[in-house]
Amino acid sequence: MIDREQMIIGLYSPAPQSGKSEVARELGNYGFVRKGFADALKAMIRPLLAAFGYADVVIDKLLNTGEGKETVLPEIGVTPRYLAQTIGTEWGREVIDPDLWIKAVLNDKRPDMLVIDDVRFPNEYEAIRAEGGQVWRVYRPGRAPTNGHPSEGLLEDREFDEEIVNDGSLFSLATKVRNALKGPF
């Protein structure tokens, strides 16, 4: 199984709702702590949504569920997914620092067993590799990118340590994750 004291696994998918969060939850059963490059971004968006009167429980749904992320916010005129994509990419990556979200996760306070469930950009892929980590591709047949934003599908030309095809039950997915963990670490 896992014989390292420290391990990073990054999860990439060419399309949303492919099962990255489910794979991360399953890795949690093996001692991995889930973090995301978008965690700090979501923490920034929370007060904005609260300013528009959204309750915490609603904000959680808007930021963390597939259905919520695609809900058009009437006060703003865009979805939470679009809000996160544009603030994260056009502001965070292009205006501040291309590595802003990487620095927020891969700092000296990170857990020893880390799974990052939202790898999207080449520099995120490379940062995980530079730390000795692996990047897994999670693919769900029939899923496609939602809006053609530059943050989607950028790693399709890369090599992955594992490919998890999410084409069955949660039990089947858990079995695939367990089998992937038996691979070379």
Protein backbone atom coordinates (compact mmCIF):
# COMPACT_ATOMS: atom_id res chain seq x y z
CA MET A 1 0.00 0.00 0.00
CA ILE A 2 1.34 3.47 0.80
CA ASP A 3 4.83 3.33 2.17
CA ARG A 4 5.68 7.02 2.22
CA GLU A 5 5.33 9.29 5.19
CA GLN A 6 4.39 12.12 2.86
CA MET A 7 2.31 11.90 -0.28
CA ILE A 8 0.44 14.32 -2.49
CA ILE A 9 -2.15 13.17 -4.99
CA GLY A 10 -3.69 15.73 -7.32
CA LEU A 11 -6.98 14.95 -9.05
CA TYR A 12 -7.74 16.29 -12.52
CA SER A 13 -10.80 15.89 -14.70
CA PRO A 14 -11.51 17.38 -18.11
CA ALA A 15 -15.11 18.11 -17.06
CA PRO A 16 -16.93 19.01 -13.84
CA GLN A 17 -18.95 16.44 -11.88
CA SER A 18 -16.71 13.57 -12.93
CA GLY A 19 -16.14 12.24 -9.41
CA LYS A 20 -13.02 14.04 -8.14
CA SER A 21 -14.66 14.84 -4.80
CA GLU A 22 -15.80 11.23 -4.39
CA VAL A 23 -12.27 9.99 -5.12
CA ALA A 24 -10.93 12.50 -2.57
CA ARG A 25 -13.46 11.28 0.03
CA GLU A 26 -12.35 7.70 -0.59
CA LEU A 27 -8.69 8.69 -0.22
CA GLY A 28 -9.70 10.19 3.13
CA ASN A 29 -10.35 6.62 4.29
CA TYR A 30 -6.62 5.99 3.79
CA GLY A 31 -5.45 9.00 5.79
CA PHE A 32 -5.40 11.67 3.10
CA VAL A 33 -6.60 15.19 3.95
CA ARG A 34 -8.53 16.97 1.19
CA LYS A 35 -7.60 20.46 0.15
CA GLY A 36 -8.30 22.36 -3.01
CA PHE A 37 -6.56 25.08 -4.92
CA ALA A 38 -9.96 26.82 -4.88
CA ASP A 39 -10.42 26.67 -1.08
CA ALA A 40 -8.96 30.15 -0.47
CA LEU A 41 -10.95 31.46 -3.43
CA LYS A 42 -14.21 30.07 -2.01
CA ALA A 43 -13.35 31.68 1.34
CA MET A 44 -13.08 35.01 -0.50
CA ILE A 45 -16.42 34.56 -2.30
CA ARG A 46 -18.36 33.70 0.89
CA PRO A 47 -18.55 37.30 2.23
CA LEU A 48 -19.64 38.56 -1.19
CA LEU A 49 -22.56 36.13 -1.29
CA ALA A 50 -23.37 36.92 2.35
CA ALA A 51 -23.50 40.63 1.44
CA PHE A 52 -26.27 39.74 -1.01
CA GLY A 53 -28.20 38.09 1.83
CA TYR A 54 -27.38 34.43 1.23
CA ALA A 55 -27.34 32.30 4.39
CA ASP A 56 -24.29 30.13 5.17
CA VAL A 57 -26.15 26.91 4.37
CA VAL A 58 -27.15 28.27 0.95
CA ILE A 59 -23.61 29.53 0.29
CA ASP A 60 -22.29 26.03 1.06
CA LYS A 61 -24.65 24.58 -1.54
CA LEU A 62 -23.82 27.26 -4.12
CA LEU A 63 -20.07 26.74 -3.76
CA ASN A 64 -19.88 22.99 -3.20
CA THR A 65 -22.56 21.14 -5.16
CA GLY A 66 -22.85 20.60 -8.88
CA GLU A 67 -26.39 21.96 -8.96
CA GLY A 68 -25.51 24.95 -6.79
CA LYS A 69 -22.49 25.91 -8.86
CA GLU A 70 -24.72 26.12 -11.97
CA THR A 71 -27.46 28.25 -10.34
CA VAL A 72 -27.62 31.75 -11.81
CA LEU A 73 -27.45 34.30 -8.98
CA PRO A 74 -30.09 36.90 -9.90
CA GLU A 75 -28.37 39.69 -7.96
CA ILE A 76 -25.12 39.20 -9.89
CA GLY A 77 -26.33 37.63 -13.13
CA VAL A 78 -23.80 34.78 -13.21
CA THR A 79 -23.37 31.32 -11.67
CA PRO A 80 -21.11 30.62 -8.68
CA ARG A 81 -18.95 28.53 -11.06
CA TYR A 82 -18.45 31.53 -13.37
CA LEU A 83 -17.78 33.79 -10.39
CA ALA A 84 -15.11 31.39 -9.08
CA GLN A 85 -13.58 30.83 -12.51
CA THR A 86 -13.21 34.52 -13.31
CA ILE A 87 -12.06 35.65 -9.88
CA GLY A 88 -9.70 32.69 -9.65
CA THR A 89 -8.27 32.93 -13.15
CA GLU A 90 -8.64 36.46 -14.47
CA TRP A 91 -7.95 38.13 -11.12
CA GLY A 92 -5.96 35.67 -9.00
CA ARG A 93 -3.79 34.03 -11.66
CA GLU A 94 -3.50 36.85 -14.22
CA VAL A 95 -3.44 39.98 -12.05
CA ILE A 96 -1.85 38.81 -8.78
CA ASP A 97 0.32 35.70 -9.32
CA PRO A 98 -0.06 32.61 -11.53
CA ASP A 99 0.94 30.53 -8.49
CA LEU A 100 -1.31 32.30 -5.95
CA TRP A 101 -3.62 29.33 -5.31
CA ILE A 102 -0.71 26.85 -5.35
CA LYS A 103 1.09 28.84 -2.66
CA ALA A 104 -2.06 28.81 -0.53
CA VAL A 105 -2.13 24.98 -0.54
CA LEU A 106 1.47 23.78 -0.89
CA ASN A 107 2.82 25.71 2.05
CA ASP A 108 4.73 24.50 5.08
CA LYS A 109 1.48 23.89 7.01
CA ARG A 110 0.15 21.21 4.67
CA PRO A 111 -0.71 17.72 5.92
CA ASP A 112 1.63 14.81 5.20
CA MET A 113 -1.02 12.89 3.24
CA LEU A 114 -2.67 15.42 0.95
CA VAL A 115 -5.20 15.04 -1.86
CA ILE A 116 -5.91 18.11 -3.98
CA ASP A 117 -9.20 17.55 -5.76
CA ASP A 118 -9.25 20.44 -8.23
CA VAL A 119 -6.10 20.40 -10.38
CA ARG A 120 -6.82 22.39 -13.55
CA PHE A 121 -3.75 24.28 -14.77
CA PRO A 122 -0.33 23.16 -16.04
CA ASN A 123 1.50 25.01 -13.23
CA GLU A 124 -0.63 23.18 -10.63
CA TYR A 125 0.22 19.85 -12.28
CA GLU A 126 3.93 20.78 -12.32
CA ALA A 127 3.91 21.99 -8.70
CA ILE A 128 2.50 18.66 -7.49
CA ARG A 129 5.11 16.79 -9.55
CA ALA A 130 7.89 19.02 -8.19
CA GLU A 131 6.83 18.01 -4.66
CA GLY A 132 7.14 14.32 -5.60
CA GLY A 133 3.39 13.87 -5.88
CA GLN A 134 1.18 12.11 -8.36
CA VAL A 135 -1.60 13.44 -10.56
CA TRP A 136 -4.55 11.18 -11.31
CA ARG A 137 -7.09 11.73 -14.08
CA VAL A 138 -10.71 11.11 -13.08
CA TYR A 139 -12.93 10.60 -16.10
CA ARG A 140 -16.68 10.07 -16.30
CA PRO A 141 -17.98 8.99 -19.70
CA GLY A 142 -20.55 11.42 -21.08
CA ARG A 143 -19.38 14.45 -19.08
CA ALA A 144 -18.18 17.49 -21.02
CA PRO A 145 -16.78 20.90 -20.06
CA THR A 146 -19.63 23.23 -19.10
CA ASN A 147 -18.73 26.62 -20.50
CA GLY A 148 -15.43 26.56 -22.36
CA HIS A 149 -13.68 28.66 -19.71
CA PRO A 150 -9.86 28.57 -19.99
CA SER A 151 -9.67 26.64 -16.69
CA GLU A 152 -11.26 23.52 -18.20
CA GLY A 153 -9.53 20.70 -20.07
CA LEU A 154 -6.01 22.14 -20.03
CA LEU A 155 -4.20 18.96 -19.01
CA GLU A 156 -5.49 16.51 -21.59
CA ASP A 157 -2.04 16.32 -23.22
CA ARG A 158 -0.31 15.36 -19.95
CA GLU A 159 0.65 11.96 -18.60
CA PHE A 160 -1.13 10.78 -15.47
CA ASP A 161 0.00 8.33 -12.82
CA GLU A 162 -3.45 6.76 -12.67
CA GLU A 163 -6.68 7.01 -14.63
CA ILE A 164 -9.87 6.42 -12.69
CA VAL A 165 -12.86 5.81 -14.97
CA ASN A 166 -15.99 6.65 -12.98
CA ASP A 167 -18.51 4.55 -14.86
CA GLY A 168 -20.24 2.59 -12.13
CA SER A 169 -21.37 2.63 -8.52
CA LEU A 170 -19.68 4.34 -5.57
CA PHE A 171 -18.51 0.88 -4.47
CA SER A 172 -16.91 0.35 -7.88
CA LEU A 173 -15.23 3.76 -7.66
CA ALA A 174 -13.91 2.97 -4.16
CA THR A 175 -12.46 -0.30 -5.49
CA LYS A 176 -10.70 1.57 -8.31
CA VAL A 177 -9.20 4.04 -5.83
CA ARG A 178 -8.00 1.21 -3.58
CA ASN A 179 -6.41 -0.53 -6.57
CA ALA A 180 -4.73 2.71 -7.67
CA LEU A 181 -3.21 3.09 -4.21
CA LYS A 182 -1.55 -0.30 -4.62
CA GLY A 183 0.37 1.11 -7.58
CA PRO A 184 3.92 2.50 -7.49
CA PHE A 185 4.46 5.12 -4.80
